Each structure stands twice: as structure tokens, then as C-alpha cells.
Amino acid sequence: MSLFRVNVVARNPKDEAQVSAPIEALVDTGSELTWLPAQQMTAIGVGPRRKRTFVTATKEVVERDVGYAVLTAEGFETVDEVVFAKRSDLCLLGVRTLEGFGVMVDNVGHRFVAVTTVAAKNSLKPTS
């Protein structure tokens, strides 16, 4: 596996005219959520909705605010929860955002590859 970075743009879902500058984030399929700088989130009017507790790779327990943003990277877009990262935190693009984009990660080519979403279909016939 290789690591690579992409530029992520965050928008306020209530006022999409409020847009962040591109934020360089590490693509991290081991991270559930996307982590972006708290200062940039609040600058575009994205406020915290709740707090969540996380365990870091070094086993440290940390608590961070989480809010909602429209996220765009490499031509893909989704709405997702965003962790309000502190200055000491990495900026990460997490797996939930990647799933929302409808992509898989090509670690060799350092790019996103669009995938077809598998939908569940009810194949049961109604009983009388």
C-alpha cells in the first residue's frame, strides 16, 4: 500500500457559497472519518454538531467536534461528517467520504477509480 494526498474542498451545506480553500489531505482508508482543520471549517460557517471520542494510532484517546460539510476532491462530491482537526492532527480523507464519492483507491496509480454501487434488491415474492 502507498500513501498519497489530494486537495479537498469543503462547503457549508446550508450556504454553498461559503467554500474553503483547497486543503491537502492524506487519503487514509484506515480512518473512518475525514479530518479537516477546525479553523477552516468554522471559517466557512460549518459548526460542530456533536463531540466524538477517537483512539489514535498511538493509542491516545482524544475528543473532537464533528460537523457536516459538502466535500469535493478529484471531481467527486459527497456530504459527510467531518472531524474538526486541531493543529496537531493530520488532515485525512477517510473511508466514509471515499464511499460517498463512490470510488475505490488505486494505490499504485495514486488516484480514485469510480465504482458501481451494488444495490440490494428484494428478490422475495410476496406470499398470499
N, C-alpha and C. Protein backbone atom coordinates (compact mmCIF):
# COMPACT_ATOMS: atom_id res chain seq x y z
N MET A 1 0.84 -1.18 0.00
CA MET A 1 0.00 0.00 0.00
C MET A 1 0.89 1.24 0.00
N SER A 2 0.47 2.25 -0.72
CA SER A 2 1.20 3.51 -0.73
C SER A 2 0.28 4.62 -0.25
N LEU A 3 0.89 5.70 0.17
CA LEU A 3 0.12 6.83 0.66
C LEU A 3 0.17 7.95 -0.38
N PHE A 4 -0.93 8.68 -0.49
CA PHE A 4 -0.93 9.85 -1.34
C PHE A 4 -1.91 10.87 -0.80
N ARG A 5 -1.76 12.08 -1.31
CA ARG A 5 -2.58 13.20 -0.84
C ARG A 5 -3.42 13.75 -1.98
N VAL A 6 -4.55 14.33 -1.61
CA VAL A 6 -5.40 15.02 -2.57
C VAL A 6 -5.83 16.35 -1.96
N ASN A 7 -6.27 17.26 -2.80
CA ASN A 7 -6.82 18.52 -2.31
C ASN A 7 -8.33 18.36 -2.14
N VAL A 8 -8.81 18.69 -0.96
CA VAL A 8 -10.23 18.59 -0.62
C VAL A 8 -10.77 20.00 -0.45
N VAL A 9 -11.96 20.23 -0.99
CA VAL A 9 -12.64 21.50 -0.78
C VAL A 9 -13.90 21.20 0.02
N ALA A 10 -14.13 21.97 1.07
CA ALA A 10 -15.31 21.80 1.92
C ALA A 10 -16.24 22.98 1.70
N ARG A 11 -17.55 22.70 1.66
CA ARG A 11 -18.55 23.75 1.54
C ARG A 11 -19.58 23.59 2.66
N ASN A 12 -20.11 24.73 3.06
CA ASN A 12 -21.17 24.74 4.05
C ASN A 12 -22.44 24.21 3.38
N PRO A 13 -23.05 23.13 3.90
CA PRO A 13 -24.24 22.58 3.25
C PRO A 13 -25.46 23.50 3.31
N LYS A 14 -25.46 24.45 4.24
CA LYS A 14 -26.58 25.40 4.36
C LYS A 14 -26.38 26.64 3.49
N ASP A 15 -25.15 26.90 3.09
CA ASP A 15 -24.82 28.05 2.25
C ASP A 15 -23.59 27.69 1.44
N GLU A 16 -23.81 27.07 0.28
CA GLU A 16 -22.70 26.53 -0.51
C GLU A 16 -21.80 27.61 -1.10
N ALA A 17 -22.15 28.88 -0.92
CA ALA A 17 -21.26 29.96 -1.34
C ALA A 17 -20.08 30.07 -0.38
N GLN A 18 -20.22 29.52 0.82
CA GLN A 18 -19.13 29.52 1.80
C GLN A 18 -18.26 28.28 1.56
N VAL A 19 -17.09 28.52 0.96
CA VAL A 19 -16.22 27.44 0.48
C VAL A 19 -14.82 27.62 1.07
N SER A 20 -14.21 26.50 1.44
CA SER A 20 -12.83 26.55 1.94
C SER A 20 -11.86 26.64 0.77
N ALA A 21 -10.67 27.08 1.06
CA ALA A 21 -9.57 26.93 0.11
C ALA A 21 -9.27 25.44 0.03
N PRO A 22 -8.61 24.97 -1.03
CA PRO A 22 -8.24 23.54 -1.07
C PRO A 22 -7.37 23.17 0.14
N ILE A 23 -7.69 22.03 0.72
CA ILE A 23 -6.99 21.52 1.90
C ILE A 23 -6.31 20.22 1.51
N GLU A 24 -5.00 20.15 1.66
CA GLU A 24 -4.28 18.92 1.33
C GLU A 24 -4.54 17.89 2.42
N ALA A 25 -5.05 16.73 2.01
CA ALA A 25 -5.38 15.68 2.98
C ALA A 25 -4.78 14.35 2.52
N LEU A 26 -4.35 13.57 3.49
CA LEU A 26 -3.82 12.24 3.24
C LEU A 26 -5.00 11.29 3.02
N VAL A 27 -4.99 10.55 1.93
CA VAL A 27 -6.03 9.54 1.69
C VAL A 27 -5.74 8.38 2.64
N ASP A 28 -6.69 8.11 3.55
CA ASP A 28 -6.46 7.13 4.62
C ASP A 28 -7.64 6.18 4.72
N THR A 29 -7.52 5.02 4.07
CA THR A 29 -8.60 4.03 4.12
C THR A 29 -8.70 3.36 5.48
N GLY A 30 -7.78 3.66 6.38
CA GLY A 30 -7.84 3.14 7.74
C GLY A 30 -8.56 4.07 8.70
N SER A 31 -8.92 5.26 8.21
CA SER A 31 -9.65 6.23 9.03
C SER A 31 -11.11 6.21 8.61
N GLU A 32 -11.99 6.08 9.59
CA GLU A 32 -13.43 6.08 9.28
C GLU A 32 -13.86 7.43 8.74
N LEU A 33 -13.48 8.50 9.44
CA LEU A 33 -13.97 9.83 9.10
C LEU A 33 -12.89 10.71 8.48
N THR A 34 -13.32 11.77 7.85
CA THR A 34 -12.43 12.78 7.30
C THR A 34 -12.11 13.80 8.37
N TRP A 35 -10.83 14.18 8.48
CA TRP A 35 -10.36 15.15 9.46
C TRP A 35 -9.85 16.37 8.72
N LEU A 36 -10.47 17.53 8.95
CA LEU A 36 -10.05 18.79 8.32
C LEU A 36 -9.89 19.84 9.40
N PRO A 37 -9.06 20.86 9.16
CA PRO A 37 -8.78 21.85 10.20
C PRO A 37 -10.04 22.55 10.72
N ALA A 38 -10.17 22.55 12.05
CA ALA A 38 -11.32 23.18 12.69
C ALA A 38 -11.45 24.65 12.28
N GLN A 39 -10.34 25.34 12.20
CA GLN A 39 -10.36 26.76 11.86
C GLN A 39 -10.96 26.99 10.47
N GLN A 40 -10.64 26.12 9.53
CA GLN A 40 -11.19 26.28 8.18
C GLN A 40 -12.66 25.90 8.13
N MET A 41 -13.08 24.96 8.93
CA MET A 41 -14.50 24.59 8.96
C MET A 41 -15.35 25.72 9.53
N THR A 42 -14.89 26.28 10.64
CA THR A 42 -15.66 27.37 11.24
C THR A 42 -15.62 28.63 10.38
N ALA A 43 -14.54 28.83 9.62
CA ALA A 43 -14.43 29.99 8.73
C ALA A 43 -15.48 29.97 7.63
N ILE A 44 -15.94 28.78 7.23
CA ILE A 44 -16.98 28.69 6.21
C ILE A 44 -18.37 28.47 6.82
N GLY A 45 -18.46 28.65 8.13
CA GLY A 45 -19.75 28.57 8.81
C GLY A 45 -20.21 27.17 9.15
N VAL A 46 -19.33 26.19 9.04
CA VAL A 46 -19.67 24.82 9.44
C VAL A 46 -19.41 24.72 10.94
N GLY A 47 -20.47 24.52 11.69
CA GLY A 47 -20.33 24.46 13.14
C GLY A 47 -20.36 23.03 13.65
N PRO A 48 -19.81 22.83 14.83
CA PRO A 48 -19.85 21.49 15.43
C PRO A 48 -21.28 21.10 15.77
N ARG A 49 -21.61 19.83 15.53
CA ARG A 49 -22.93 19.30 15.85
C ARG A 49 -22.89 18.41 17.09
N ARG A 50 -21.75 17.80 17.33
CA ARG A 50 -21.59 16.92 18.49
C ARG A 50 -20.12 16.65 18.70
N LYS A 51 -19.81 15.94 19.75
CA LYS A 51 -18.44 15.53 20.04
C LYS A 51 -18.34 14.02 19.88
N ARG A 52 -17.17 13.57 19.44
CA ARG A 52 -16.90 12.13 19.34
C ARG A 52 -15.54 11.85 19.95
N THR A 53 -15.39 10.65 20.46
CA THR A 53 -14.13 10.21 21.05
C THR A 53 -13.45 9.26 20.06
N PHE A 54 -12.12 9.43 19.92
CA PHE A 54 -11.34 8.61 18.99
C PHE A 54 -10.12 8.06 19.71
N VAL A 55 -9.62 6.94 19.23
CA VAL A 55 -8.36 6.39 19.69
C VAL A 55 -7.37 6.55 18.54
N THR A 56 -6.25 7.22 18.80
CA THR A 56 -5.26 7.48 17.76
C THR A 56 -4.40 6.24 17.52
N ALA A 57 -3.57 6.31 16.49
CA ALA A 57 -2.65 5.21 16.17
C ALA A 57 -1.68 4.94 17.32
N THR A 58 -1.42 5.98 18.14
CA THR A 58 -0.53 5.81 19.29
C THR A 58 -1.29 5.43 20.56
N LYS A 59 -2.55 5.07 20.40
CA LYS A 59 -3.43 4.62 21.50
C LYS A 59 -3.87 5.75 22.43
N GLU A 60 -3.70 6.98 22.01
CA GLU A 60 -4.17 8.12 22.80
C GLU A 60 -5.66 8.32 22.55
N VAL A 61 -6.42 8.58 23.60
CA VAL A 61 -7.84 8.86 23.46
C VAL A 61 -8.02 10.37 23.35
N VAL A 62 -8.70 10.81 22.27
CA VAL A 62 -8.92 12.24 22.05
C VAL A 62 -10.40 12.47 21.77
N GLU A 63 -10.86 13.66 22.11
CA GLU A 63 -12.24 14.06 21.83
C GLU A 63 -12.19 15.23 20.86
N ARG A 64 -13.03 15.17 19.82
CA ARG A 64 -13.07 16.22 18.82
C ARG A 64 -14.52 16.55 18.46
N ASP A 65 -14.73 17.80 18.03
CA ASP A 65 -16.02 18.21 17.49
C ASP A 65 -16.18 17.61 16.11
N VAL A 66 -17.44 17.37 15.73
CA VAL A 66 -17.77 16.84 14.41
C VAL A 66 -18.93 17.65 13.85
N GLY A 67 -18.85 17.97 12.56
CA GLY A 67 -19.92 18.69 11.87
C GLY A 67 -20.12 18.11 10.49
N TYR A 68 -21.00 18.74 9.71
CA TYR A 68 -21.33 18.24 8.37
C TYR A 68 -20.87 19.22 7.32
N ALA A 69 -20.32 18.68 6.21
CA ALA A 69 -19.87 19.53 5.11
C ALA A 69 -20.06 18.80 3.79
N VAL A 70 -20.17 19.58 2.72
CA VAL A 70 -20.13 19.04 1.37
C VAL A 70 -18.65 18.97 1.00
N LEU A 71 -18.17 17.81 0.63
CA LEU A 71 -16.75 17.61 0.34
C LEU A 71 -16.56 17.27 -1.14
N THR A 72 -15.54 17.87 -1.73
CA THR A 72 -15.20 17.64 -3.13
C THR A 72 -13.71 17.37 -3.25
N ALA A 73 -13.36 16.36 -4.05
CA ALA A 73 -11.95 16.06 -4.34
C ALA A 73 -11.89 15.29 -5.65
N GLU A 74 -10.94 15.64 -6.48
CA GLU A 74 -10.68 14.92 -7.72
C GLU A 74 -11.94 14.76 -8.58
N GLY A 75 -12.85 15.73 -8.53
CA GLY A 75 -14.06 15.68 -9.35
C GLY A 75 -15.21 14.90 -8.74
N PHE A 76 -15.04 14.39 -7.52
CA PHE A 76 -16.09 13.64 -6.83
C PHE A 76 -16.64 14.48 -5.68
N GLU A 77 -17.90 14.21 -5.30
CA GLU A 77 -18.54 15.03 -4.26
C GLU A 77 -19.47 14.18 -3.40
N THR A 78 -19.55 14.55 -2.11
CA THR A 78 -20.48 13.90 -1.19
C THR A 78 -20.70 14.83 0.01
N VAL A 79 -21.70 14.52 0.80
CA VAL A 79 -21.92 15.18 2.09
C VAL A 79 -21.50 14.18 3.16
N ASP A 80 -20.73 14.66 4.15
CA ASP A 80 -20.25 13.72 5.16
C ASP A 80 -19.97 14.43 6.47
N GLU A 81 -19.81 13.62 7.53
CA GLU A 81 -19.33 14.14 8.81
C GLU A 81 -17.86 14.48 8.66
N VAL A 82 -17.45 15.56 9.29
CA VAL A 82 -16.05 15.97 9.27
C VAL A 82 -15.61 16.20 10.71
N VAL A 83 -14.47 15.63 11.06
CA VAL A 83 -13.87 15.86 12.37
C VAL A 83 -13.13 17.19 12.31
N PHE A 84 -13.34 18.03 13.31
CA PHE A 84 -12.67 19.32 13.40
C PHE A 84 -11.27 19.09 13.98
N ALA A 85 -10.31 18.97 13.08
CA ALA A 85 -8.94 18.64 13.48
C ALA A 85 -8.25 19.82 14.15
N LYS A 86 -7.47 19.51 15.17
CA LYS A 86 -6.63 20.52 15.81
C LYS A 86 -5.33 20.64 15.03
N ARG A 87 -4.54 21.66 15.33
CA ARG A 87 -3.29 21.90 14.61
C ARG A 87 -2.35 20.69 14.67
N SER A 88 -2.40 19.94 15.75
CA SER A 88 -1.50 18.78 15.91
C SER A 88 -2.02 17.52 15.19
N ASP A 89 -3.24 17.57 14.66
CA ASP A 89 -3.83 16.41 13.97
C ASP A 89 -3.48 16.42 12.48
N LEU A 90 -3.45 15.25 11.90
CA LEU A 90 -3.30 15.14 10.46
C LEU A 90 -4.61 15.49 9.76
N CYS A 91 -4.53 16.00 8.55
CA CYS A 91 -5.71 16.16 7.69
C CYS A 91 -5.85 14.86 6.92
N LEU A 92 -7.00 14.21 7.09
CA LEU A 92 -7.22 12.89 6.50
C LEU A 92 -8.50 12.86 5.69
N LEU A 93 -8.49 12.12 4.60
CA LEU A 93 -9.70 11.84 3.84
C LEU A 93 -10.07 10.40 4.14
N GLY A 94 -11.13 10.21 4.92
CA GLY A 94 -11.49 8.90 5.44
C GLY A 94 -12.35 8.07 4.51
N VAL A 95 -12.53 6.81 4.91
CA VAL A 95 -13.19 5.83 4.07
C VAL A 95 -14.67 6.14 3.86
N ARG A 96 -15.35 6.76 4.83
CA ARG A 96 -16.77 7.09 4.61
C ARG A 96 -16.92 8.12 3.51
N THR A 97 -16.00 9.08 3.45
CA THR A 97 -16.04 10.07 2.38
C THR A 97 -15.76 9.38 1.04
N LEU A 98 -14.78 8.49 1.02
CA LEU A 98 -14.47 7.76 -0.21
C LEU A 98 -15.67 6.95 -0.69
N GLU A 99 -16.35 6.31 0.23
CA GLU A 99 -17.56 5.56 -0.14
C GLU A 99 -18.64 6.50 -0.67
N GLY A 100 -18.76 7.67 -0.03
CA GLY A 100 -19.72 8.65 -0.51
C GLY A 100 -19.39 9.14 -1.91
N PHE A 101 -18.09 9.26 -2.20
CA PHE A 101 -17.65 9.64 -3.55
C PHE A 101 -17.99 8.54 -4.57
N GLY A 102 -18.16 7.30 -4.09
CA GLY A 102 -18.39 6.18 -5.00
C GLY A 102 -17.11 5.76 -5.70
N VAL A 103 -16.01 5.76 -4.94
CA VAL A 103 -14.71 5.42 -5.53
C VAL A 103 -14.01 4.34 -4.72
N MET A 104 -13.04 3.71 -5.37
CA MET A 104 -12.07 2.89 -4.67
C MET A 104 -10.72 3.55 -4.90
N VAL A 105 -9.76 3.21 -4.09
CA VAL A 105 -8.44 3.85 -4.16
C VAL A 105 -7.50 2.97 -4.96
N ASP A 106 -6.88 3.55 -5.98
CA ASP A 106 -5.82 2.89 -6.74
C ASP A 106 -4.51 3.34 -6.11
N ASN A 107 -3.94 2.50 -5.25
CA ASN A 107 -2.73 2.86 -4.52
C ASN A 107 -1.49 2.91 -5.42
N VAL A 108 -1.50 2.18 -6.51
CA VAL A 108 -0.37 2.20 -7.43
C VAL A 108 -0.40 3.48 -8.26
N GLY A 109 -1.58 3.79 -8.81
CA GLY A 109 -1.72 4.98 -9.65
C GLY A 109 -1.96 6.26 -8.87
N HIS A 110 -2.11 6.15 -7.55
CA HIS A 110 -2.38 7.30 -6.68
C HIS A 110 -3.56 8.12 -7.21
N ARG A 111 -4.69 7.44 -7.34
CA ARG A 111 -5.88 8.10 -7.85
C ARG A 111 -7.12 7.38 -7.37
N PHE A 112 -8.27 8.03 -7.62
CA PHE A 112 -9.55 7.42 -7.33
C PHE A 112 -10.09 6.77 -8.60
N VAL A 113 -10.77 5.65 -8.43
CA VAL A 113 -11.40 4.96 -9.54
C VAL A 113 -12.88 4.83 -9.20
N ALA A 114 -13.74 5.37 -10.07
CA ALA A 114 -15.18 5.28 -9.85
C ALA A 114 -15.62 3.82 -9.90
N VAL A 115 -16.53 3.46 -9.00
CA VAL A 115 -17.05 2.10 -8.96
C VAL A 115 -18.56 2.14 -9.02
N THR A 116 -19.13 1.06 -9.47
CA THR A 116 -20.58 0.94 -9.50
C THR A 116 -21.04 0.48 -8.13
N THR A 117 -22.01 1.15 -7.59
CA THR A 117 -22.54 0.80 -6.29
C THR A 117 -23.47 -0.40 -6.42
N VAL A 118 -23.29 -1.38 -5.57
CA VAL A 118 -24.15 -2.55 -5.56
C VAL A 118 -25.38 -2.23 -4.72
N ALA A 119 -26.53 -2.40 -5.32
CA ALA A 119 -27.78 -2.12 -4.63
C ALA A 119 -28.45 -3.42 -4.20
N ALA A 120 -29.06 -3.37 -3.05
CA ALA A 120 -29.81 -4.54 -2.58
C ALA A 120 -31.15 -4.56 -3.30
N LYS A 121 -31.55 -5.73 -3.73
CA LYS A 121 -32.83 -5.89 -4.43
C LYS A 121 -33.63 -6.94 -3.70
N ASN A 122 -34.87 -6.65 -3.48
CA ASN A 122 -35.75 -7.60 -2.83
C ASN A 122 -36.16 -8.65 -3.85
N SER A 123 -35.63 -9.83 -3.69
CA SER A 123 -35.97 -10.90 -4.65
C SER A 123 -37.05 -11.84 -4.10
N LEU A 124 -37.56 -11.52 -2.93
CA LEU A 124 -38.62 -12.34 -2.34
C LEU A 124 -39.95 -12.00 -2.98
N LYS A 125 -40.70 -13.04 -3.31
CA LYS A 125 -42.03 -12.84 -3.87
C LYS A 125 -43.01 -12.76 -2.71
N PRO A 126 -43.98 -11.86 -2.84
CA PRO A 126 -44.98 -11.76 -1.75
C PRO A 126 -45.74 -13.07 -1.60
N THR A 127 -46.02 -13.40 -0.36
CA THR A 127 -46.79 -14.61 -0.09
C THR A 127 -48.24 -14.23 0.10
N SER A 128 -49.10 -15.14 -0.25
CA SER A 128 -50.53 -14.89 -0.11
C SER A 128 -51.05 -15.44 1.18
